[in-house]
N, C-alpha and C. Protein backbone atom coordinates (compact mmCIF):
# COMPACT_ATOMS: atom_id res chain seq x y z
N MET A 1 4.62 -90.06 23.53
CA MET A 1 5.16 -88.94 24.30
C MET A 1 4.56 -87.63 23.80
N GLN A 2 4.17 -86.79 24.73
CA GLN A 2 3.54 -85.52 24.38
C GLN A 2 4.61 -84.44 24.25
N SER A 3 4.52 -83.64 23.19
CA SER A 3 5.48 -82.54 23.04
C SER A 3 5.04 -81.36 23.91
N LYS A 4 6.02 -80.69 24.49
CA LYS A 4 5.70 -79.57 25.36
C LYS A 4 5.31 -78.37 24.52
N SER A 5 4.30 -77.65 24.99
CA SER A 5 3.86 -76.47 24.24
C SER A 5 4.85 -75.32 24.46
N ILE A 6 5.06 -74.55 23.40
CA ILE A 6 5.99 -73.43 23.46
C ILE A 6 5.22 -72.13 23.26
N LYS A 7 5.40 -71.21 24.21
CA LYS A 7 4.74 -69.91 24.13
C LYS A 7 5.83 -68.84 24.18
N VAL A 8 6.00 -68.10 23.08
CA VAL A 8 7.04 -67.07 23.02
C VAL A 8 6.61 -65.86 23.85
N ILE A 9 7.47 -65.43 24.74
CA ILE A 9 7.18 -64.28 25.62
C ILE A 9 7.75 -63.00 25.01
N ALA A 10 9.01 -63.03 24.58
CA ALA A 10 9.66 -61.83 24.03
C ALA A 10 10.65 -62.24 22.95
N LYS A 11 10.76 -61.39 21.92
CA LYS A 11 11.74 -61.61 20.85
C LYS A 11 12.65 -60.39 20.78
N ASN A 12 13.88 -60.63 20.38
CA ASN A 12 14.85 -59.56 20.22
C ASN A 12 14.95 -59.23 18.73
N ARG A 13 14.05 -58.38 18.24
CA ARG A 13 14.02 -58.05 16.82
C ARG A 13 15.26 -57.27 16.39
N LYS A 14 15.78 -56.47 17.29
CA LYS A 14 16.96 -55.67 16.98
C LYS A 14 18.17 -56.56 16.68
N ALA A 15 18.23 -57.72 17.31
CA ALA A 15 19.34 -58.65 17.08
C ALA A 15 19.36 -59.12 15.63
N TYR A 16 18.18 -59.39 15.07
CA TYR A 16 18.12 -59.84 13.68
C TYR A 16 18.52 -58.72 12.71
N HIS A 17 18.34 -57.49 13.13
CA HIS A 17 18.72 -56.34 12.30
C HIS A 17 20.22 -56.08 12.38
N ASP A 18 20.79 -56.21 13.57
CA ASP A 18 22.19 -55.86 13.79
C ASP A 18 23.17 -57.01 13.56
N TYR A 19 22.69 -58.25 13.60
CA TYR A 19 23.58 -59.41 13.52
C TYR A 19 23.09 -60.43 12.49
N THR A 20 24.03 -61.23 12.01
CA THR A 20 23.72 -62.41 11.22
C THR A 20 23.81 -63.60 12.17
N VAL A 21 22.71 -64.30 12.35
CA VAL A 21 22.67 -65.42 13.29
C VAL A 21 23.19 -66.67 12.58
N THR A 22 24.28 -67.26 13.11
CA THR A 22 24.86 -68.44 12.48
C THR A 22 24.42 -69.73 13.16
N ASP A 23 24.13 -69.69 14.45
CA ASP A 23 23.71 -70.89 15.16
C ASP A 23 22.83 -70.50 16.34
N ARG A 24 21.95 -71.42 16.74
CA ARG A 24 21.02 -71.14 17.85
C ARG A 24 21.16 -72.22 18.92
N PHE A 25 20.98 -71.81 20.18
CA PHE A 25 21.06 -72.73 21.30
C PHE A 25 19.93 -72.43 22.28
N GLU A 26 19.51 -73.47 23.02
CA GLU A 26 18.48 -73.30 24.04
C GLU A 26 19.15 -73.39 25.40
N ALA A 27 18.78 -72.49 26.30
CA ALA A 27 19.35 -72.51 27.64
C ALA A 27 18.24 -72.22 28.65
N GLY A 28 18.38 -72.81 29.82
CA GLY A 28 17.50 -72.46 30.93
C GLY A 28 18.01 -71.17 31.55
N ILE A 29 17.23 -70.60 32.45
CA ILE A 29 17.65 -69.35 33.10
C ILE A 29 17.30 -69.42 34.58
N VAL A 30 18.18 -68.89 35.42
CA VAL A 30 17.95 -68.87 36.86
C VAL A 30 17.20 -67.59 37.20
N LEU A 31 15.97 -67.74 37.71
CA LEU A 31 15.13 -66.59 38.06
C LEU A 31 14.61 -66.74 39.48
N SER A 32 14.26 -65.60 40.10
CA SER A 32 13.59 -65.65 41.40
C SER A 32 12.09 -65.82 41.14
N GLY A 33 11.33 -66.07 42.19
CA GLY A 33 9.89 -66.32 42.05
C GLY A 33 9.12 -65.17 41.42
N THR A 34 9.41 -63.95 41.85
CA THR A 34 8.67 -62.81 41.31
C THR A 34 9.07 -62.54 39.86
N GLU A 35 10.32 -62.86 39.50
CA GLU A 35 10.75 -62.69 38.11
C GLU A 35 10.00 -63.65 37.19
N VAL A 36 9.77 -64.87 37.67
CA VAL A 36 9.03 -65.84 36.87
C VAL A 36 7.62 -65.32 36.60
N LYS A 37 7.00 -64.74 37.62
CA LYS A 37 5.65 -64.20 37.45
C LYS A 37 5.64 -63.05 36.44
N SER A 38 6.66 -62.20 36.48
CA SER A 38 6.76 -61.11 35.51
C SER A 38 6.98 -61.65 34.10
N VAL A 39 7.80 -62.68 33.96
CA VAL A 39 8.05 -63.28 32.65
C VAL A 39 6.75 -63.85 32.10
N ARG A 40 6.00 -64.58 32.93
CA ARG A 40 4.73 -65.15 32.49
C ARG A 40 3.75 -64.07 32.07
N ALA A 41 3.85 -62.89 32.69
CA ALA A 41 2.99 -61.75 32.33
C ALA A 41 3.50 -61.03 31.09
N GLY A 42 4.67 -61.44 30.57
CA GLY A 42 5.21 -60.85 29.35
C GLY A 42 5.99 -59.58 29.55
N LYS A 43 6.47 -59.32 30.74
CA LYS A 43 7.18 -58.08 31.03
C LYS A 43 8.70 -58.26 30.93
N VAL A 44 9.15 -58.62 29.71
CA VAL A 44 10.57 -58.86 29.45
C VAL A 44 11.00 -58.02 28.26
N ASN A 45 12.19 -57.43 28.34
CA ASN A 45 12.74 -56.66 27.23
C ASN A 45 14.17 -57.15 26.97
N LEU A 46 14.41 -57.60 25.74
CA LEU A 46 15.73 -58.14 25.38
C LEU A 46 16.60 -57.14 24.62
N ARG A 47 16.10 -55.95 24.38
CA ARG A 47 16.86 -54.96 23.61
C ARG A 47 18.19 -54.66 24.31
N ASP A 48 19.27 -54.64 23.55
CA ASP A 48 20.62 -54.35 24.04
C ASP A 48 21.14 -55.38 25.03
N SER A 49 20.58 -56.59 25.05
CA SER A 49 21.11 -57.62 25.95
C SER A 49 22.14 -58.47 25.21
N PHE A 50 23.04 -59.06 25.98
CA PHE A 50 24.09 -59.90 25.41
C PHE A 50 24.52 -60.92 26.45
N CYS A 51 25.28 -61.93 26.02
CA CYS A 51 25.74 -62.98 26.93
C CYS A 51 27.26 -62.98 27.01
N THR A 52 27.78 -63.32 28.19
CA THR A 52 29.21 -63.47 28.38
C THR A 52 29.46 -64.75 29.17
N VAL A 53 30.71 -65.18 29.17
CA VAL A 53 31.11 -66.33 29.98
C VAL A 53 32.01 -65.80 31.08
N GLU A 54 31.58 -65.99 32.34
CA GLU A 54 32.36 -65.56 33.50
C GLU A 54 32.52 -66.75 34.44
N ASN A 55 33.75 -67.09 34.79
CA ASN A 55 34.03 -68.19 35.72
C ASN A 55 33.34 -69.49 35.30
N GLY A 56 33.31 -69.76 34.00
CA GLY A 56 32.71 -70.99 33.51
C GLY A 56 31.19 -70.99 33.49
N GLN A 57 30.58 -69.84 33.76
CA GLN A 57 29.12 -69.74 33.72
C GLN A 57 28.71 -68.81 32.59
N LEU A 58 27.61 -69.15 31.93
CA LEU A 58 27.06 -68.30 30.87
C LEU A 58 26.11 -67.31 31.53
N ILE A 59 26.37 -66.01 31.32
CA ILE A 59 25.59 -64.97 32.00
C ILE A 59 24.98 -64.04 30.97
N VAL A 60 23.70 -63.70 31.17
CA VAL A 60 23.04 -62.75 30.29
C VAL A 60 22.99 -61.40 31.01
N MET A 61 23.39 -60.35 30.28
CA MET A 61 23.41 -59.00 30.84
C MET A 61 22.51 -58.11 30.00
N GLY A 62 21.89 -57.14 30.63
CA GLY A 62 21.08 -56.18 29.90
C GLY A 62 19.65 -56.65 29.64
N MET A 63 19.28 -57.83 30.15
CA MET A 63 17.91 -58.30 30.01
C MET A 63 17.06 -57.63 31.08
N HIS A 64 16.02 -56.93 30.68
CA HIS A 64 15.18 -56.21 31.63
C HIS A 64 13.91 -57.00 31.90
N ILE A 65 13.74 -57.42 33.17
CA ILE A 65 12.50 -58.05 33.60
C ILE A 65 11.86 -57.10 34.60
N SER A 66 10.71 -56.55 34.24
CA SER A 66 10.05 -55.55 35.08
C SER A 66 9.67 -56.15 36.43
N PRO A 67 9.73 -55.34 37.50
CA PRO A 67 9.34 -55.84 38.82
C PRO A 67 7.86 -56.27 38.83
N TYR A 68 7.57 -57.33 39.55
CA TYR A 68 6.20 -57.84 39.67
C TYR A 68 5.43 -56.91 40.60
N GLU A 69 4.24 -56.49 40.18
CA GLU A 69 3.47 -55.48 40.95
C GLU A 69 3.18 -55.92 42.39
N GLN A 70 2.81 -57.19 42.57
CA GLN A 70 2.47 -57.66 43.92
C GLN A 70 3.70 -58.22 44.65
N GLY A 71 4.88 -58.03 44.10
CA GLY A 71 6.08 -58.65 44.65
C GLY A 71 6.69 -57.95 45.84
N ASN A 72 6.41 -56.69 46.05
CA ASN A 72 6.98 -55.83 47.10
C ASN A 72 8.44 -56.13 47.44
N ILE A 73 8.76 -56.65 48.62
CA ILE A 73 10.15 -56.81 49.06
C ILE A 73 10.90 -57.92 48.34
N PHE A 74 10.19 -58.81 47.66
CA PHE A 74 10.84 -59.95 47.01
C PHE A 74 11.35 -59.61 45.61
N ASN A 75 11.01 -58.43 45.09
CA ASN A 75 11.46 -58.04 43.75
C ASN A 75 12.97 -57.84 43.73
N LYS A 76 13.56 -58.26 42.62
CA LYS A 76 15.01 -58.10 42.41
C LYS A 76 15.24 -56.92 41.46
N ASP A 77 16.50 -56.54 41.30
CA ASP A 77 16.88 -55.49 40.37
C ASP A 77 16.50 -55.93 38.94
N PRO A 78 15.75 -55.11 38.20
CA PRO A 78 15.30 -55.52 36.86
C PRO A 78 16.43 -55.77 35.87
N MET A 79 17.59 -55.14 36.05
CA MET A 79 18.69 -55.26 35.09
C MET A 79 19.83 -56.15 35.59
N ARG A 80 19.61 -56.93 36.64
CA ARG A 80 20.70 -57.72 37.22
C ARG A 80 21.20 -58.79 36.25
N LYS A 81 22.42 -59.26 36.51
CA LYS A 81 22.99 -60.37 35.72
C LYS A 81 22.21 -61.63 36.06
N ARG A 82 21.94 -62.44 35.03
CA ARG A 82 21.22 -63.70 35.27
C ARG A 82 22.02 -64.85 34.66
N VAL A 83 22.11 -65.94 35.40
CA VAL A 83 22.87 -67.10 34.96
C VAL A 83 22.01 -67.94 34.02
N LEU A 84 22.61 -68.36 32.91
CA LEU A 84 21.94 -69.26 31.97
C LEU A 84 22.46 -70.67 32.21
N LEU A 85 21.59 -71.65 32.05
CA LEU A 85 21.93 -73.03 32.34
C LEU A 85 22.16 -73.82 31.07
N MET A 86 23.40 -74.26 30.89
CA MET A 86 23.78 -75.14 29.78
C MET A 86 24.84 -76.10 30.30
N HIS A 87 25.10 -77.16 29.55
CA HIS A 87 26.15 -78.09 29.93
C HIS A 87 27.50 -77.38 29.83
N LYS A 88 28.42 -77.75 30.72
CA LYS A 88 29.73 -77.12 30.81
C LYS A 88 30.48 -77.19 29.47
N ARG A 89 30.41 -78.35 28.80
CA ARG A 89 31.15 -78.49 27.53
C ARG A 89 30.56 -77.58 26.45
N GLU A 90 29.23 -77.37 26.47
CA GLU A 90 28.61 -76.44 25.51
C GLU A 90 29.06 -75.01 25.79
N ILE A 91 29.11 -74.64 27.06
CA ILE A 91 29.54 -73.29 27.43
C ILE A 91 30.98 -73.06 27.00
N MET A 92 31.85 -74.04 27.22
CA MET A 92 33.26 -73.88 26.85
C MET A 92 33.43 -73.82 25.33
N ARG A 93 32.61 -74.58 24.60
CA ARG A 93 32.66 -74.53 23.14
C ARG A 93 32.24 -73.14 22.64
N LEU A 94 31.16 -72.61 23.21
CA LEU A 94 30.70 -71.26 22.85
C LEU A 94 31.76 -70.22 23.19
N TYR A 95 32.38 -70.37 24.35
CA TYR A 95 33.41 -69.44 24.79
C TYR A 95 34.55 -69.41 23.78
N GLY A 96 34.97 -70.59 23.31
CA GLY A 96 36.04 -70.68 22.31
C GLY A 96 35.66 -70.02 21.00
N LEU A 97 34.42 -70.23 20.54
CA LEU A 97 33.95 -69.63 19.29
C LEU A 97 33.90 -68.11 19.40
N VAL A 98 33.41 -67.61 20.53
CA VAL A 98 33.30 -66.17 20.74
C VAL A 98 34.68 -65.52 20.79
N LYS A 99 35.64 -66.18 21.45
CA LYS A 99 36.98 -65.62 21.60
C LYS A 99 37.73 -65.52 20.28
N GLN A 100 37.67 -66.55 19.43
CA GLN A 100 38.52 -66.56 18.25
C GLN A 100 37.90 -65.94 17.00
N ASP A 101 36.61 -66.06 16.81
CA ASP A 101 36.01 -65.69 15.53
C ASP A 101 35.39 -64.30 15.48
N GLY A 102 35.47 -63.53 16.54
CA GLY A 102 34.82 -62.22 16.53
C GLY A 102 33.30 -62.35 16.53
N MET A 103 32.82 -63.44 17.11
CA MET A 103 31.38 -63.67 17.21
C MET A 103 30.91 -63.18 18.57
N THR A 104 29.59 -63.09 18.72
CA THR A 104 29.02 -62.70 20.00
C THR A 104 27.79 -63.55 20.28
N LEU A 105 27.43 -63.65 21.56
CA LEU A 105 26.24 -64.39 21.96
C LEU A 105 25.15 -63.39 22.31
N VAL A 106 24.00 -63.54 21.66
CA VAL A 106 22.89 -62.60 21.85
C VAL A 106 21.61 -63.39 22.15
N PRO A 107 20.87 -63.02 23.22
CA PRO A 107 19.58 -63.67 23.45
C PRO A 107 18.60 -63.27 22.35
N LEU A 108 18.01 -64.25 21.68
CA LEU A 108 17.08 -63.98 20.58
C LEU A 108 15.63 -63.97 21.03
N SER A 109 15.30 -64.85 22.00
CA SER A 109 13.93 -64.88 22.49
C SER A 109 13.87 -65.53 23.86
N VAL A 110 12.78 -65.22 24.57
CA VAL A 110 12.47 -65.85 25.85
C VAL A 110 11.12 -66.52 25.65
N TYR A 111 11.01 -67.78 26.06
CA TYR A 111 9.76 -68.49 25.86
C TYR A 111 9.52 -69.49 26.98
N LEU A 112 8.26 -69.91 27.09
CA LEU A 112 7.88 -70.94 28.04
C LEU A 112 7.82 -72.26 27.30
N LYS A 113 8.51 -73.25 27.82
CA LYS A 113 8.45 -74.60 27.25
C LYS A 113 7.86 -75.48 28.34
N GLY A 114 6.57 -75.73 28.24
CA GLY A 114 5.86 -76.39 29.34
C GLY A 114 5.80 -75.40 30.49
N GLN A 115 6.34 -75.78 31.64
CA GLN A 115 6.37 -74.89 32.81
C GLN A 115 7.68 -74.11 32.92
N LEU A 116 8.67 -74.44 32.09
CA LEU A 116 10.00 -73.87 32.24
C LEU A 116 10.21 -72.63 31.38
N VAL A 117 10.97 -71.68 31.90
CA VAL A 117 11.34 -70.49 31.15
C VAL A 117 12.67 -70.79 30.45
N LYS A 118 12.70 -70.62 29.13
CA LYS A 118 13.90 -70.90 28.35
C LYS A 118 14.32 -69.65 27.58
N VAL A 119 15.61 -69.58 27.25
CA VAL A 119 16.14 -68.47 26.47
C VAL A 119 16.80 -69.07 25.23
N GLU A 120 16.47 -68.52 24.06
CA GLU A 120 17.13 -68.94 22.83
C GLU A 120 18.29 -67.98 22.61
N ILE A 121 19.50 -68.55 22.52
CA ILE A 121 20.71 -67.75 22.34
C ILE A 121 21.20 -67.95 20.91
N GLY A 122 21.62 -66.86 20.29
CA GLY A 122 22.16 -66.95 18.95
C GLY A 122 23.65 -66.66 18.95
N LEU A 123 24.41 -67.49 18.23
CA LEU A 123 25.82 -67.21 17.98
C LEU A 123 25.82 -66.31 16.75
N CYS A 124 26.20 -65.05 16.92
CA CYS A 124 25.98 -64.04 15.88
C CYS A 124 27.28 -63.36 15.46
N LYS A 125 27.25 -62.86 14.25
CA LYS A 125 28.34 -62.04 13.72
C LYS A 125 27.72 -60.70 13.35
N GLY A 126 28.37 -59.61 13.75
CA GLY A 126 27.83 -58.27 13.50
C GLY A 126 27.73 -57.95 12.02
N LYS A 127 26.64 -57.28 11.64
CA LYS A 127 26.47 -56.85 10.24
C LYS A 127 27.12 -55.49 10.05
N ARG A 128 27.63 -55.26 8.86
CA ARG A 128 28.14 -53.95 8.49
C ARG A 128 26.95 -53.10 8.04
N VAL A 129 27.17 -51.79 7.91
CA VAL A 129 26.09 -50.87 7.52
C VAL A 129 25.53 -51.24 6.16
N HIS A 130 26.40 -51.59 5.20
CA HIS A 130 25.90 -51.91 3.86
C HIS A 130 25.11 -53.22 3.85
N ASP A 131 25.42 -54.16 4.77
CA ASP A 131 24.64 -55.39 4.90
C ASP A 131 23.23 -55.07 5.37
N LYS A 132 23.13 -54.15 6.34
CA LYS A 132 21.82 -53.76 6.85
C LYS A 132 20.98 -53.11 5.76
N ARG A 133 21.63 -52.25 4.96
CA ARG A 133 20.91 -51.58 3.87
C ARG A 133 20.43 -52.59 2.83
N ALA A 134 21.27 -53.58 2.51
CA ALA A 134 20.91 -54.61 1.54
C ALA A 134 19.71 -55.42 2.03
N ALA A 135 19.72 -55.78 3.32
CA ALA A 135 18.61 -56.55 3.89
C ALA A 135 17.33 -55.73 3.86
N LEU A 136 17.44 -54.44 4.17
CA LEU A 136 16.28 -53.55 4.14
C LEU A 136 15.72 -53.42 2.73
N ALA A 137 16.60 -53.27 1.73
CA ALA A 137 16.18 -53.15 0.34
C ALA A 137 15.51 -54.45 -0.13
N GLU A 138 16.05 -55.59 0.29
CA GLU A 138 15.48 -56.89 -0.09
C GLU A 138 14.07 -57.05 0.47
N ARG A 139 13.89 -56.69 1.74
CA ARG A 139 12.56 -56.77 2.36
C ARG A 139 11.59 -55.85 1.67
N SER A 140 12.04 -54.64 1.34
CA SER A 140 11.18 -53.67 0.66
C SER A 140 10.76 -54.19 -0.72
N ALA A 141 11.69 -54.78 -1.45
CA ALA A 141 11.38 -55.33 -2.78
C ALA A 141 10.37 -56.47 -2.67
N LYS A 142 10.54 -57.35 -1.68
CA LYS A 142 9.59 -58.45 -1.48
C LYS A 142 8.19 -57.90 -1.20
N ARG A 143 8.12 -56.86 -0.38
CA ARG A 143 6.84 -56.26 -0.02
C ARG A 143 6.16 -55.68 -1.27
N GLU A 144 6.94 -55.01 -2.12
CA GLU A 144 6.40 -54.43 -3.36
C GLU A 144 5.88 -55.53 -4.29
N ILE A 145 6.61 -56.62 -4.40
CA ILE A 145 6.18 -57.74 -5.26
C ILE A 145 4.88 -58.34 -4.73
N GLU A 146 4.80 -58.55 -3.41
CA GLU A 146 3.58 -59.08 -2.80
C GLU A 146 2.39 -58.16 -3.07
N ARG A 147 2.62 -56.86 -2.91
CA ARG A 147 1.55 -55.89 -3.12
C ARG A 147 1.08 -55.92 -4.58
N ALA A 148 2.02 -55.98 -5.51
CA ALA A 148 1.69 -56.03 -6.94
C ALA A 148 0.92 -57.31 -7.27
N MET A 149 1.33 -58.43 -6.68
CA MET A 149 0.65 -59.71 -6.93
C MET A 149 -0.80 -59.66 -6.42
N ARG A 150 -0.99 -59.09 -5.23
CA ARG A 150 -2.34 -59.00 -4.66
C ARG A 150 -3.22 -58.08 -5.50
N GLN A 151 -2.70 -56.94 -5.89
CA GLN A 151 -3.49 -55.99 -6.69
C GLN A 151 -3.78 -56.54 -8.08
N GLY A 152 -2.84 -57.28 -8.65
CA GLY A 152 -3.03 -57.89 -9.97
C GLY A 152 -4.14 -58.91 -9.93
N GLY A 153 -4.27 -59.65 -8.85
CA GLY A 153 -5.31 -60.67 -8.71
C GLY A 153 -6.69 -60.08 -8.45
N GLN A 154 -6.78 -58.88 -7.91
CA GLN A 154 -8.07 -58.27 -7.60
C GLN A 154 -8.77 -57.68 -8.82
N HIS A 155 -8.00 -57.21 -9.80
CA HIS A 155 -8.60 -56.55 -10.96
C HIS A 155 -9.17 -57.53 -11.95
N ARG A 156 -8.83 -58.79 -11.86
CA ARG A 156 -9.31 -59.78 -12.84
C ARG A 156 -10.59 -60.38 -12.47
């Protein structure tokens, strides 16, 4: 069996800064024809997007898919609500987790899996300001260590 190739279209870097991701899920997404063409062209922005459960459906809000240039009358609203496709029991489980634990669902990335457009959703918990500072300090320290290691190896 051949594995399907995965091509990442967009990542939500802000989500990793603002939230601690505890679990990840894959979902399909309902798109119109011109939206698919825009996604394939990489014209997707996940900043400030989030997911909710409405009437038993998982919906992503705030995802911006730019209108397709050659789409004219077939283009949809770039900021419209889009339905995500998951099994009903998975959606209800996520709904329960979000309701009781103070968690939120955030789209982490949009990618092509074979011919299909998929969305990676993260079950996230918001970071406090001091958590963000600690993560920033940790990254900075790692960068300094890497730089020192590289420079130490060049002088010898």
